[in-house]
Amino acid sequence: RDVFIRLLYGGQHAILVGFSAVLLSTLLA
């Protein structure tokens, strides 16, 4: 599997999960 392609998709997932968690945590706090 192409590592560069997987790195791009992994970065998209990390950023979406990170921002979602931070947004919900900030709203709750």
mmCIF file of all heavy atoms, coordinates in Angstrom:
data_MODEL
# 
_entry.id   MODEL 
# 
loop_
_atom_site.group_PDB 
_atom_site.id 
_atom_site.type_symbol 
_atom_site.label_atom_id 
_atom_site.label_alt_id 
_atom_site.label_comp_id 
_atom_site.label_asym_id 
_atom_site.label_entity_id 
_atom_site.label_seq_id 
_atom_site.pdbx_PDB_ins_code 
_atom_site.Cartn_x 
_atom_site.Cartn_y 
_atom_site.Cartn_z 
_atom_site.occupancy 
_atom_site.B_iso_or_equiv 
_atom_site.pdbx_formal_charge 
_atom_site.auth_seq_id 
_atom_site.auth_comp_id 
_atom_site.auth_asym_id 
_atom_site.auth_atom_id 
_atom_site.pdbx_PDB_model_num 
ATOM 1   N N   . ARG A 1 1  ? 0.833   -1.199 0.000  1.00 0.00 ? 1  ARG A N   1 
ATOM 2   C CA  . ARG A 1 1  ? 0.000   0.000  0.000  1.00 0.00 ? 1  ARG A CA  1 
ATOM 3   C C   . ARG A 1 1  ? 0.872   1.255  0.000  1.00 0.00 ? 1  ARG A C   1 
ATOM 4   O O   . ARG A 1 1  ? 1.912   1.294  0.658  1.00 0.00 ? 1  ARG A O   1 
ATOM 5   C CB  . ARG A 1 1  ? -0.927  0.005  1.216  1.00 0.00 ? 1  ARG A CB  1 
ATOM 6   C CG  . ARG A 1 1  ? -1.917  -1.150 1.221  1.00 0.00 ? 1  ARG A CG  1 
ATOM 7   C CD  . ARG A 1 1  ? -2.706  -1.234 2.506  1.00 0.00 ? 1  ARG A CD  1 
ATOM 8   N NE  . ARG A 1 1  ? -1.843  -1.529 3.645  1.00 0.00 ? 1  ARG A NE  1 
ATOM 9   C CZ  . ARG A 1 1  ? -2.283  -1.840 4.862  1.00 0.00 ? 1  ARG A CZ  1 
ATOM 10  N NH1 . ARG A 1 1  ? -3.592  -1.910 5.086  1.00 0.00 ? 1  ARG A NH1 1 
ATOM 11  N NH2 . ARG A 1 1  ? -1.441  -2.087 5.842  1.00 0.00 ? 1  ARG A NH2 1 
ATOM 12  N N   . ASP A 1 2  ? 0.439   2.272  -0.725 1.00 0.00 ? 2  ASP A N   1 
ATOM 13  C CA  . ASP A 1 2  ? 1.195   3.513  -0.834 1.00 0.00 ? 2  ASP A CA  1 
ATOM 14  C C   . ASP A 1 2  ? 1.162   4.252  0.508  1.00 0.00 ? 2  ASP A C   1 
ATOM 15  O O   . ASP A 1 2  ? 0.093   4.640  0.987  1.00 0.00 ? 2  ASP A O   1 
ATOM 16  C CB  . ASP A 1 2  ? 0.597   4.394  -1.938 1.00 0.00 ? 2  ASP A CB  1 
ATOM 17  C CG  . ASP A 1 2  ? 1.511   5.549  -2.309 1.00 0.00 ? 2  ASP A CG  1 
ATOM 18  O OD1 . ASP A 1 2  ? 1.857   6.338  -1.412 1.00 0.00 ? 2  ASP A OD1 1 
ATOM 19  O OD2 . ASP A 1 2  ? 1.876   5.668  -3.492 1.00 0.00 ? 2  ASP A OD2 1 
ATOM 20  N N   . VAL A 1 3  ? 2.319   4.451  1.114  1.00 0.00 ? 3  VAL A N   1 
ATOM 21  C CA  . VAL A 1 3  ? 2.399   5.070  2.440  1.00 0.00 ? 3  VAL A CA  1 
ATOM 22  C C   . VAL A 1 3  ? 1.983   6.533  2.390  1.00 0.00 ? 3  VAL A C   1 
ATOM 23  O O   . VAL A 1 3  ? 1.335   7.041  3.315  1.00 0.00 ? 3  VAL A O   1 
ATOM 24  C CB  . VAL A 1 3  ? 3.823   4.928  3.010  1.00 0.00 ? 3  VAL A CB  1 
ATOM 25  C CG1 . VAL A 1 3  ? 3.949   5.663  4.336  1.00 0.00 ? 3  VAL A CG1 1 
ATOM 26  C CG2 . VAL A 1 3  ? 4.173   3.465  3.194  1.00 0.00 ? 3  VAL A CG2 1 
ATOM 27  N N   . PHE A 1 4  ? 2.334   7.244  1.325  1.00 0.00 ? 4  PHE A N   1 
ATOM 28  C CA  . PHE A 1 4  ? 1.975   8.662  1.218  1.00 0.00 ? 4  PHE A CA  1 
ATOM 29  C C   . PHE A 1 4  ? 0.457   8.838  1.181  1.00 0.00 ? 4  PHE A C   1 
ATOM 30  O O   . PHE A 1 4  ? -0.087  9.733  1.847  1.00 0.00 ? 4  PHE A O   1 
ATOM 31  C CB  . PHE A 1 4  ? 2.612   9.264  -0.034 1.00 0.00 ? 4  PHE A CB  1 
ATOM 32  C CG  . PHE A 1 4  ? 2.296   10.719 -0.239 1.00 0.00 ? 4  PHE A CG  1 
ATOM 33  C CD1 . PHE A 1 4  ? 2.839   11.684 0.591  1.00 0.00 ? 4  PHE A CD1 1 
ATOM 34  C CD2 . PHE A 1 4  ? 1.440   11.124 -1.253 1.00 0.00 ? 4  PHE A CD2 1 
ATOM 35  C CE1 . PHE A 1 4  ? 2.544   13.031 0.424  1.00 0.00 ? 4  PHE A CE1 1 
ATOM 36  C CE2 . PHE A 1 4  ? 1.142   12.464 -1.436 1.00 0.00 ? 4  PHE A CE2 1 
ATOM 37  C CZ  . PHE A 1 4  ? 1.697   13.412 -0.604 1.00 0.00 ? 4  PHE A CZ  1 
ATOM 38  N N   . ILE A 1 5  ? -0.229  7.985  0.413  1.00 0.00 ? 5  ILE A N   1 
ATOM 39  C CA  . ILE A 1 5  ? -1.696  8.063  0.353  1.00 0.00 ? 5  ILE A CA  1 
ATOM 40  C C   . ILE A 1 5  ? -2.303  7.762  1.717  1.00 0.00 ? 5  ILE A C   1 
ATOM 41  O O   . ILE A 1 5  ? -3.221  8.449  2.180  1.00 0.00 ? 5  ILE A O   1 
ATOM 42  C CB  . ILE A 1 5  ? -2.237  7.085  -0.704 1.00 0.00 ? 5  ILE A CB  1 
ATOM 43  C CG1 . ILE A 1 5  ? -1.638  7.395  -2.085 1.00 0.00 ? 5  ILE A CG1 1 
ATOM 44  C CG2 . ILE A 1 5  ? -3.756  7.148  -0.753 1.00 0.00 ? 5  ILE A CG2 1 
ATOM 45  C CD1 . ILE A 1 5  ? -1.951  8.765  -2.597 1.00 0.00 ? 5  ILE A CD1 1 
ATOM 46  N N   . ARG A 1 6  ? -1.789  6.746  2.377  1.00 0.00 ? 6  ARG A N   1 
ATOM 47  C CA  . ARG A 1 6  ? -2.310  6.381  3.706  1.00 0.00 ? 6  ARG A CA  1 
ATOM 48  C C   . ARG A 1 6  ? -2.000  7.480  4.724  1.00 0.00 ? 6  ARG A C   1 
ATOM 49  O O   . ARG A 1 6  ? -2.772  7.720  5.653  1.00 0.00 ? 6  ARG A O   1 
ATOM 50  C CB  . ARG A 1 6  ? -1.719  5.051  4.162  1.00 0.00 ? 6  ARG A CB  1 
ATOM 51  C CG  . ARG A 1 6  ? -2.248  3.872  3.368  1.00 0.00 ? 6  ARG A CG  1 
ATOM 52  C CD  . ARG A 1 6  ? -1.638  2.550  3.808  1.00 0.00 ? 6  ARG A CD  1 
ATOM 53  N NE  . ARG A 1 6  ? -1.898  2.234  5.209  1.00 0.00 ? 6  ARG A NE  1 
ATOM 54  C CZ  . ARG A 1 6  ? -3.051  1.751  5.653  1.00 0.00 ? 6  ARG A CZ  1 
ATOM 55  N NH1 . ARG A 1 6  ? -4.064  1.547  4.820  1.00 0.00 ? 6  ARG A NH1 1 
ATOM 56  N NH2 . ARG A 1 6  ? -3.205  1.467  6.936  1.00 0.00 ? 6  ARG A NH2 1 
ATOM 57  N N   . LEU A 1 7  ? -0.880  8.146  4.556  1.00 0.00 ? 7  LEU A N   1 
ATOM 58  C CA  . LEU A 1 7  ? -0.525  9.249  5.454  1.00 0.00 ? 7  LEU A CA  1 
ATOM 59  C C   . LEU A 1 7  ? -1.509  10.405 5.302  1.00 0.00 ? 7  LEU A C   1 
ATOM 60  O O   . LEU A 1 7  ? -1.913  11.025 6.297  1.00 0.00 ? 7  LEU A O   1 
ATOM 61  C CB  . LEU A 1 7  ? 0.897   9.719  5.153  1.00 0.00 ? 7  LEU A CB  1 
ATOM 62  C CG  . LEU A 1 7  ? 1.547   10.622 6.200  1.00 0.00 ? 7  LEU A CG  1 
ATOM 63  C CD1 . LEU A 1 7  ? 1.937   9.808  7.432  1.00 0.00 ? 7  LEU A CD1 1 
ATOM 64  C CD2 . LEU A 1 7  ? 2.785   11.289 5.610  1.00 0.00 ? 7  LEU A CD2 1 
ATOM 65  N N   . LEU A 1 8  ? -1.923  10.696 4.068  1.00 0.00 ? 8  LEU A N   1 
ATOM 66  C CA  . LEU A 1 8  ? -2.887  11.768 3.831  1.00 0.00 ? 8  LEU A CA  1 
ATOM 67  C C   . LEU A 1 8  ? -4.235  11.447 4.464  1.00 0.00 ? 8  LEU A C   1 
ATOM 68  O O   . LEU A 1 8  ? -4.830  12.286 5.147  1.00 0.00 ? 8  LEU A O   1 
ATOM 69  C CB  . LEU A 1 8  ? -3.055  12.005 2.327  1.00 0.00 ? 8  LEU A CB  1 
ATOM 70  C CG  . LEU A 1 8  ? -1.845  12.571 1.572  1.00 0.00 ? 8  LEU A CG  1 
ATOM 71  C CD1 . LEU A 1 8  ? -2.176  12.703 0.089  1.00 0.00 ? 8  LEU A CD1 1 
ATOM 72  C CD2 . LEU A 1 8  ? -1.421  13.914 2.134  1.00 0.00 ? 8  LEU A CD2 1 
ATOM 73  N N   . TYR A 1 9  ? -4.710  10.240 4.240  1.00 0.00 ? 9  TYR A N   1 
ATOM 74  C CA  . TYR A 1 9  ? -5.997  9.845  4.822  1.00 0.00 ? 9  TYR A CA  1 
ATOM 75  C C   . TYR A 1 9  ? -5.906  9.767  6.352  1.00 0.00 ? 9  TYR A C   1 
ATOM 76  O O   . TYR A 1 9  ? -6.861  10.111 7.058  1.00 0.00 ? 9  TYR A O   1 
ATOM 77  C CB  . TYR A 1 9  ? -6.444  8.502  4.253  1.00 0.00 ? 9  TYR A CB  1 
ATOM 78  C CG  . TYR A 1 9  ? -7.112  8.611  2.904  1.00 0.00 ? 9  TYR A CG  1 
ATOM 79  C CD1 . TYR A 1 9  ? -6.359  8.608  1.736  1.00 0.00 ? 9  TYR A CD1 1 
ATOM 80  C CD2 . TYR A 1 9  ? -8.493  8.722  2.799  1.00 0.00 ? 9  TYR A CD2 1 
ATOM 81  C CE1 . TYR A 1 9  ? -6.966  8.714  0.492  1.00 0.00 ? 9  TYR A CE1 1 
ATOM 82  C CE2 . TYR A 1 9  ? -9.108  8.826  1.559  1.00 0.00 ? 9  TYR A CE2 1 
ATOM 83  C CZ  . TYR A 1 9  ? -8.341  8.824  0.415  1.00 0.00 ? 9  TYR A CZ  1 
ATOM 84  O OH  . TYR A 1 9  ? -8.953  8.936  -0.807 1.00 0.00 ? 9  TYR A OH  1 
ATOM 85  N N   . GLY A 1 10 ? -4.768  9.320  6.864  1.00 0.00 ? 10 GLY A N   1 
ATOM 86  C CA  . GLY A 1 10 ? -4.580  9.297  8.313  1.00 0.00 ? 10 GLY A CA  1 
ATOM 87  C C   . GLY A 1 10 ? -4.563  10.690 8.907  1.00 0.00 ? 10 GLY A C   1 
ATOM 88  O O   . GLY A 1 10 ? -5.097  10.922 10.001 1.00 0.00 ? 10 GLY A O   1 
ATOM 89  N N   . GLY A 1 11 ? -3.951  11.639 8.201  1.00 0.00 ? 11 GLY A N   1 
ATOM 90  C CA  . GLY A 1 11 ? -3.948  13.021 8.677  1.00 0.00 ? 11 GLY A CA  1 
ATOM 91  C C   . GLY A 1 11 ? -5.333  13.622 8.687  1.00 0.00 ? 11 GLY A C   1 
ATOM 92  O O   . GLY A 1 11 ? -5.711  14.350 9.616  1.00 0.00 ? 11 GLY A O   1 
ATOM 93  N N   . GLN A 1 12 ? -6.123  13.333 7.658  1.00 0.00 ? 12 GLN A N   1 
ATOM 94  C CA  . GLN A 1 12 ? -7.504  13.819 7.631  1.00 0.00 ? 12 GLN A CA  1 
ATOM 95  C C   . GLN A 1 12 ? -8.289  13.284 8.822  1.00 0.00 ? 12 GLN A C   1 
ATOM 96  O O   . GLN A 1 12 ? -9.019  14.030 9.492  1.00 0.00 ? 12 GLN A O   1 
ATOM 97  C CB  . GLN A 1 12 ? -8.180  13.394 6.325  1.00 0.00 ? 12 GLN A CB  1 
ATOM 98  C CG  . GLN A 1 12 ? -9.592  13.924 6.163  1.00 0.00 ? 12 GLN A CG  1 
ATOM 99  C CD  . GLN A 1 12 ? -10.287 13.319 4.961  1.00 0.00 ? 12 GLN A CD  1 
ATOM 100 O OE1 . GLN A 1 12 ? -10.374 12.096 4.826  1.00 0.00 ? 12 GLN A OE1 1 
ATOM 101 N NE2 . GLN A 1 12 ? -10.784 14.164 4.083  1.00 0.00 ? 12 GLN A NE2 1 
ATOM 102 N N   . HIS A 1 13 ? -8.118  12.002 9.110  1.00 0.00 ? 13 HIS A N   1 
ATOM 103 C CA  . HIS A 1 13 ? -8.843  11.403 10.231 1.00 0.00 ? 13 HIS A CA  1 
ATOM 104 C C   . HIS A 1 13 ? -8.374  11.984 11.561 1.00 0.00 ? 13 HIS A C   1 
ATOM 105 O O   . HIS A 1 13 ? -9.187  12.301 12.440 1.00 0.00 ? 13 HIS A O   1 
ATOM 106 C CB  . HIS A 1 13 ? -8.644  9.888  10.222 1.00 0.00 ? 13 HIS A CB  1 
ATOM 107 C CG  . HIS A 1 13 ? -9.317  9.205  11.360 1.00 0.00 ? 13 HIS A CG  1 
ATOM 108 N ND1 . HIS A 1 13 ? -8.664  8.879  12.534 1.00 0.00 ? 13 HIS A ND1 1 
ATOM 109 C CD2 . HIS A 1 13 ? -10.607 8.793  11.522 1.00 0.00 ? 13 HIS A CD2 1 
ATOM 110 C CE1 . HIS A 1 13 ? -9.513  8.305  13.352 1.00 0.00 ? 13 HIS A CE1 1 
ATOM 111 N NE2 . HIS A 1 13 ? -10.684 8.229  12.780 1.00 0.00 ? 13 HIS A NE2 1 
ATOM 112 N N   . ALA A 1 14 ? -7.056  12.151 11.736 1.00 0.00 ? 14 ALA A N   1 
ATOM 113 C CA  . ALA A 1 14 ? -6.525  12.686 12.995 1.00 0.00 ? 14 ALA A CA  1 
ATOM 114 C C   . ALA A 1 14 ? -7.041  14.098 13.243 1.00 0.00 ? 14 ALA A C   1 
ATOM 115 O O   . ALA A 1 14 ? -7.412  14.448 14.372 1.00 0.00 ? 14 ALA A O   1 
ATOM 116 C CB  . ALA A 1 14 ? -5.001  12.672 12.964 1.00 0.00 ? 14 ALA A CB  1 
ATOM 117 N N   . ILE A 1 15 ? -7.079  14.918 12.200 1.00 0.00 ? 15 ILE A N   1 
ATOM 118 C CA  . ILE A 1 15 ? -7.522  16.299 12.359 1.00 0.00 ? 15 ILE A CA  1 
ATOM 119 C C   . ILE A 1 15 ? -9.018  16.363 12.632 1.00 0.00 ? 15 ILE A C   1 
ATOM 120 O O   . ILE A 1 15 ? -9.480  17.126 13.500 1.00 0.00 ? 15 ILE A O   1 
ATOM 121 C CB  . ILE A 1 15 ? -7.149  17.115 11.111 1.00 0.00 ? 15 ILE A CB  1 
ATOM 122 C CG1 . ILE A 1 15 ? -5.626  17.276 11.032 1.00 0.00 ? 15 ILE A CG1 1 
ATOM 123 C CG2 . ILE A 1 15 ? -7.815  18.485 11.132 1.00 0.00 ? 15 ILE A CG2 1 
ATOM 124 C CD1 . ILE A 1 15 ? -5.133  17.852 9.743  1.00 0.00 ? 15 ILE A CD1 1 
ATOM 125 N N   . LEU A 1 16 ? -9.817  15.550 11.919 1.00 0.00 ? 16 LEU A N   1 
ATOM 126 C CA  . LEU A 1 16 ? -11.263 15.562 12.143 1.00 0.00 ? 16 LEU A CA  1 
ATOM 127 C C   . LEU A 1 16 ? -11.613 15.079 13.551 1.00 0.00 ? 16 LEU A C   1 
ATOM 128 O O   . LEU A 1 16 ? -12.435 15.696 14.239 1.00 0.00 ? 16 LEU A O   1 
ATOM 129 C CB  . LEU A 1 16 ? -11.949 14.692 11.096 1.00 0.00 ? 16 LEU A CB  1 
ATOM 130 C CG  . LEU A 1 16 ? -11.975 15.248 9.668  1.00 0.00 ? 16 LEU A CG  1 
ATOM 131 C CD1 . LEU A 1 16 ? -12.606 14.240 8.716  1.00 0.00 ? 16 LEU A CD1 1 
ATOM 132 C CD2 . LEU A 1 16 ? -12.727 16.566 9.615  1.00 0.00 ? 16 LEU A CD2 1 
ATOM 133 N N   . VAL A 1 17 ? -10.991 13.991 13.981 1.00 0.00 ? 17 VAL A N   1 
ATOM 134 C CA  . VAL A 1 17 ? -11.248 13.484 15.333 1.00 0.00 ? 17 VAL A CA  1 
ATOM 135 C C   . VAL A 1 17 ? -10.754 14.479 16.372 1.00 0.00 ? 17 VAL A C   1 
ATOM 136 O O   . VAL A 1 17 ? -11.448 14.756 17.368 1.00 0.00 ? 17 VAL A O   1 
ATOM 137 C CB  . VAL A 1 17 ? -10.577 12.111 15.523 1.00 0.00 ? 17 VAL A CB  1 
ATOM 138 C CG1 . VAL A 1 17 ? -10.629 11.682 16.990 1.00 0.00 ? 17 VAL A CG1 1 
ATOM 139 C CG2 . VAL A 1 17 ? -11.257 11.060 14.660 1.00 0.00 ? 17 VAL A CG2 1 
ATOM 140 N N   . GLY A 1 18 ? -9.551  15.041 16.149 1.00 0.00 ? 18 GLY A N   1 
ATOM 141 C CA  . GLY A 1 18 ? -8.998  15.994 17.112 1.00 0.00 ? 18 GLY A CA  1 
ATOM 142 C C   . GLY A 1 18 ? -9.856  17.235 17.258 1.00 0.00 ? 18 GLY A C   1 
ATOM 143 O O   . GLY A 1 18 ? -10.183 17.653 18.379 1.00 0.00 ? 18 GLY A O   1 
ATOM 144 N N   . PHE A 1 19 ? -10.255 17.833 16.137 1.00 0.00 ? 19 PHE A N   1 
ATOM 145 C CA  . PHE A 1 19 ? -11.067 19.040 16.199 1.00 0.00 ? 19 PHE A CA  1 
ATOM 146 C C   . PHE A 1 19 ? -12.458 18.750 16.759 1.00 0.00 ? 19 PHE A C   1 
ATOM 147 O O   . PHE A 1 19 ? -13.014 19.582 17.490 1.00 0.00 ? 19 PHE A O   1 
ATOM 148 C CB  . PHE A 1 19 ? -11.174 19.678 14.811 1.00 0.00 ? 19 PHE A CB  1 
ATOM 149 C CG  . PHE A 1 19 ? -10.044 20.607 14.478 1.00 0.00 ? 19 PHE A CG  1 
ATOM 150 C CD1 . PHE A 1 19 ? -8.991  20.184 13.702 1.00 0.00 ? 19 PHE A CD1 1 
ATOM 151 C CD2 . PHE A 1 19 ? -10.032 21.905 14.952 1.00 0.00 ? 19 PHE A CD2 1 
ATOM 152 C CE1 . PHE A 1 19 ? -7.941  21.024 13.399 1.00 0.00 ? 19 PHE A CE1 1 
ATOM 153 C CE2 . PHE A 1 19 ? -8.991  22.766 14.656 1.00 0.00 ? 19 PHE A CE2 1 
ATOM 154 C CZ  . PHE A 1 19 ? -7.940  22.325 13.873 1.00 0.00 ? 19 PHE A CZ  1 
ATOM 155 N N   . SER A 1 20 ? -13.029 17.607 16.417 1.00 0.00 ? 20 SER A N   1 
ATOM 156 C CA  . SER A 1 20 ? -14.345 17.257 16.966 1.00 0.00 ? 20 SER A CA  1 
ATOM 157 C C   . SER A 1 20 ? -14.286 17.104 18.476 1.00 0.00 ? 20 SER A C   1 
ATOM 158 O O   . SER A 1 20 ? -15.152 17.612 19.205 1.00 0.00 ? 20 SER A O   1 
ATOM 159 C CB  . SER A 1 20 ? -14.851 15.961 16.326 1.00 0.00 ? 20 SER A CB  1 
ATOM 160 O OG  . SER A 1 20 ? -14.986 16.099 14.936 1.00 0.00 ? 20 SER A OG  1 
ATOM 161 N N   . ALA A 1 21 ? -13.255 16.398 18.960 1.00 0.00 ? 21 ALA A N   1 
ATOM 162 C CA  . ALA A 1 21 ? -13.116 16.206 20.404 1.00 0.00 ? 21 ALA A CA  1 
ATOM 163 C C   . ALA A 1 21 ? -12.868 17.535 21.117 1.00 0.00 ? 21 ALA A C   1 
ATOM 164 O O   . ALA A 1 21 ? -13.448 17.797 22.178 1.00 0.00 ? 21 ALA A O   1 
ATOM 165 C CB  . ALA A 1 21 ? -11.973 15.232 20.691 1.00 0.00 ? 21 ALA A CB  1 
ATOM 166 N N   . VAL A 1 22 ? -12.018 18.381 20.534 1.00 0.00 ? 22 VAL A N   1 
ATOM 167 C CA  . VAL A 1 22 ? -11.719 19.673 21.159 1.00 0.00 ? 22 VAL A CA  1 
ATOM 168 C C   . VAL A 1 22 ? -12.959 20.558 21.162 1.00 0.00 ? 22 VAL A C   1 
ATOM 169 O O   . VAL A 1 22 ? -13.245 21.251 22.156 1.00 0.00 ? 22 VAL A O   1 
ATOM 170 C CB  . VAL A 1 22 ? -10.549 20.354 20.423 1.00 0.00 ? 22 VAL A CB  1 
ATOM 171 C CG1 . VAL A 1 22 ? -10.411 21.805 20.859 1.00 0.00 ? 22 VAL A CG1 1 
ATOM 172 C CG2 . VAL A 1 22 ? -9.260  19.598 20.680 1.00 0.00 ? 22 VAL A CG2 1 
ATOM 173 N N   . LEU A 1 23 ? -13.718 20.559 20.069 1.00 0.00 ? 23 LEU A N   1 
ATOM 174 C CA  . LEU A 1 23 ? -14.925 21.393 19.999 1.00 0.00 ? 23 LEU A CA  1 
ATOM 175 C C   . LEU A 1 23 ? -15.952 20.960 21.035 1.00 0.00 ? 23 LEU A C   1 
ATOM 176 O O   . LEU A 1 23 ? -16.495 21.793 21.781 1.00 0.00 ? 23 LEU A O   1 
ATOM 177 C CB  . LEU A 1 23 ? -15.519 21.313 18.595 1.00 0.00 ? 23 LEU A CB  1 
ATOM 178 C CG  . LEU A 1 23 ? -16.828 22.083 18.373 1.00 0.00 ? 23 LEU A CG  1 
ATOM 179 C CD1 . LEU A 1 23 ? -16.615 23.577 18.616 1.00 0.00 ? 23 LEU A CD1 1 
ATOM 180 C CD2 . LEU A 1 23 ? -17.362 21.849 16.965 1.00 0.00 ? 23 LEU A CD2 1 
ATOM 181 N N   . LEU A 1 24 ? -16.233 19.663 21.107 1.00 0.00 ? 24 LEU A N   1 
ATOM 182 C CA  . LEU A 1 24 ? -17.209 19.179 22.083 1.00 0.00 ? 24 LEU A CA  1 
ATOM 183 C C   . LEU A 1 24 ? -16.726 19.401 23.517 1.00 0.00 ? 24 LEU A C   1 
ATOM 184 O O   . LEU A 1 24 ? -17.514 19.774 24.400 1.00 0.00 ? 24 LEU A O   1 
ATOM 185 C CB  . LEU A 1 24 ? -17.490 17.699 21.846 1.00 0.00 ? 24 LEU A CB  1 
ATOM 186 C CG  . LEU A 1 24 ? -18.224 17.350 20.546 1.00 0.00 ? 24 LEU A CG  1 
ATOM 187 C CD1 . LEU A 1 24 ? -18.353 15.842 20.403 1.00 0.00 ? 24 LEU A CD1 1 
ATOM 188 C CD2 . LEU A 1 24 ? -19.595 18.014 20.514 1.00 0.00 ? 24 LEU A CD2 1 
ATOM 189 N N   . SER A 1 25 ? -15.439 19.176 23.752 1.00 0.00 ? 25 SER A N   1 
ATOM 190 C CA  . SER A 1 25 ? -14.892 19.379 25.089 1.00 0.00 ? 25 SER A CA  1 
ATOM 191 C C   . SER A 1 25 ? -14.985 20.846 25.497 1.00 0.00 ? 25 SER A C   1 
ATOM 192 O O   . SER A 1 25 ? -15.339 21.169 26.645 1.00 0.00 ? 25 SER A O   1 
ATOM 193 C CB  . SER A 1 25 ? -13.442 18.903 25.124 1.00 0.00 ? 25 SER A CB  1 
ATOM 194 O OG  . SER A 1 25 ? -12.842 19.191 26.372 1.00 0.00 ? 25 SER A OG  1 
ATOM 195 N N   . THR A 1 26 ? -14.683 21.748 24.563 1.00 0.00 ? 26 THR A N   1 
ATOM 196 C CA  . THR A 1 26 ? -14.742 23.181 24.868 1.00 0.00 ? 26 THR A CA  1 
ATOM 197 C C   . THR A 1 26 ? -16.167 23.631 25.135 1.00 0.00 ? 26 THR A C   1 
ATOM 198 O O   . THR A 1 26 ? -16.422 24.415 26.055 1.00 0.00 ? 26 THR A O   1 
ATOM 199 C CB  . THR A 1 26 ? -14.142 23.981 23.703 1.00 0.00 ? 26 THR A CB  1 
ATOM 200 O OG1 . THR A 1 26 ? -12.794 23.547 23.477 1.00 0.00 ? 26 THR A OG1 1 
ATOM 201 C CG2 . THR A 1 26 ? -14.141 25.467 24.013 1.00 0.00 ? 26 THR A CG2 1 
ATOM 202 N N   . LEU A 1 27 ? -17.123 23.140 24.333 1.00 0.00 ? 27 LEU A N   1 
ATOM 203 C CA  . LEU A 1 27 ? -18.526 23.512 24.547 1.00 0.00 ? 27 LEU A CA  1 
ATOM 204 C C   . LEU A 1 27 ? -19.027 23.015 25.901 1.00 0.00 ? 27 LEU A C   1 
ATOM 205 O O   . LEU A 1 27 ? -19.704 23.756 26.636 1.00 0.00 ? 27 LEU A O   1 
ATOM 206 C CB  . LEU A 1 27 ? -19.388 22.932 23.426 1.00 0.00 ? 27 LEU A CB  1 
ATOM 207 C CG  . LEU A 1 27 ? -19.232 23.571 22.046 1.00 0.00 ? 27 LEU A CG  1 
ATOM 208 C CD1 . LEU A 1 27 ? -20.068 22.829 21.017 1.00 0.00 ? 27 LEU A CD1 1 
ATOM 209 C CD2 . LEU A 1 27 ? -19.625 25.041 22.080 1.00 0.00 ? 27 LEU A CD2 1 
ATOM 210 N N   . LEU A 1 28 ? -18.701 21.763 26.234 1.00 0.00 ? 28 LEU A N   1 
ATOM 211 C CA  . LEU A 1 28 ? -19.126 21.216 27.524 1.00 0.00 ? 28 LEU A CA  1 
ATOM 212 C C   . LEU A 1 28 ? -18.481 21.965 28.682 1.00 0.00 ? 28 LEU A C   1 
ATOM 213 O O   . LEU A 1 28 ? -19.154 22.303 29.679 1.00 0.00 ? 28 LEU A O   1 
ATOM 214 C CB  . LEU A 1 28 ? -18.774 19.735 27.593 1.00 0.00 ? 28 LEU A CB  1 
ATOM 215 C CG  . LEU A 1 28 ? -19.116 19.004 28.894 1.00 0.00 ? 28 LEU A CG  1 
ATOM 216 C CD1 . LEU A 1 28 ? -20.605 19.074 29.178 1.00 0.00 ? 28 LEU A CD1 1 
ATOM 217 C CD2 . LEU A 1 28 ? -18.649 17.553 28.838 1.00 0.00 ? 28 LEU A CD2 1 
ATOM 218 N N   . ALA A 1 29 ? -17.190 22.240 28.556 1.00 0.00 ? 29 ALA A N   1 
ATOM 219 C CA  . ALA A 1 29 ? -16.484 22.951 29.626 1.00 0.00 ? 29 ALA A CA  1 
ATOM 220 C C   . ALA A 1 29 ? -17.005 24.371 29.782 1.00 0.00 ? 29 ALA A C   1 
ATOM 221 O O   . ALA A 1 29 ? -17.187 24.862 30.906 1.00 0.00 ? 29 ALA A O   1 
ATOM 222 C CB  . ALA A 1 29 ? -14.988 22.961 29.333 1.00 0.00 ? 29 ALA A CB  1 
# 
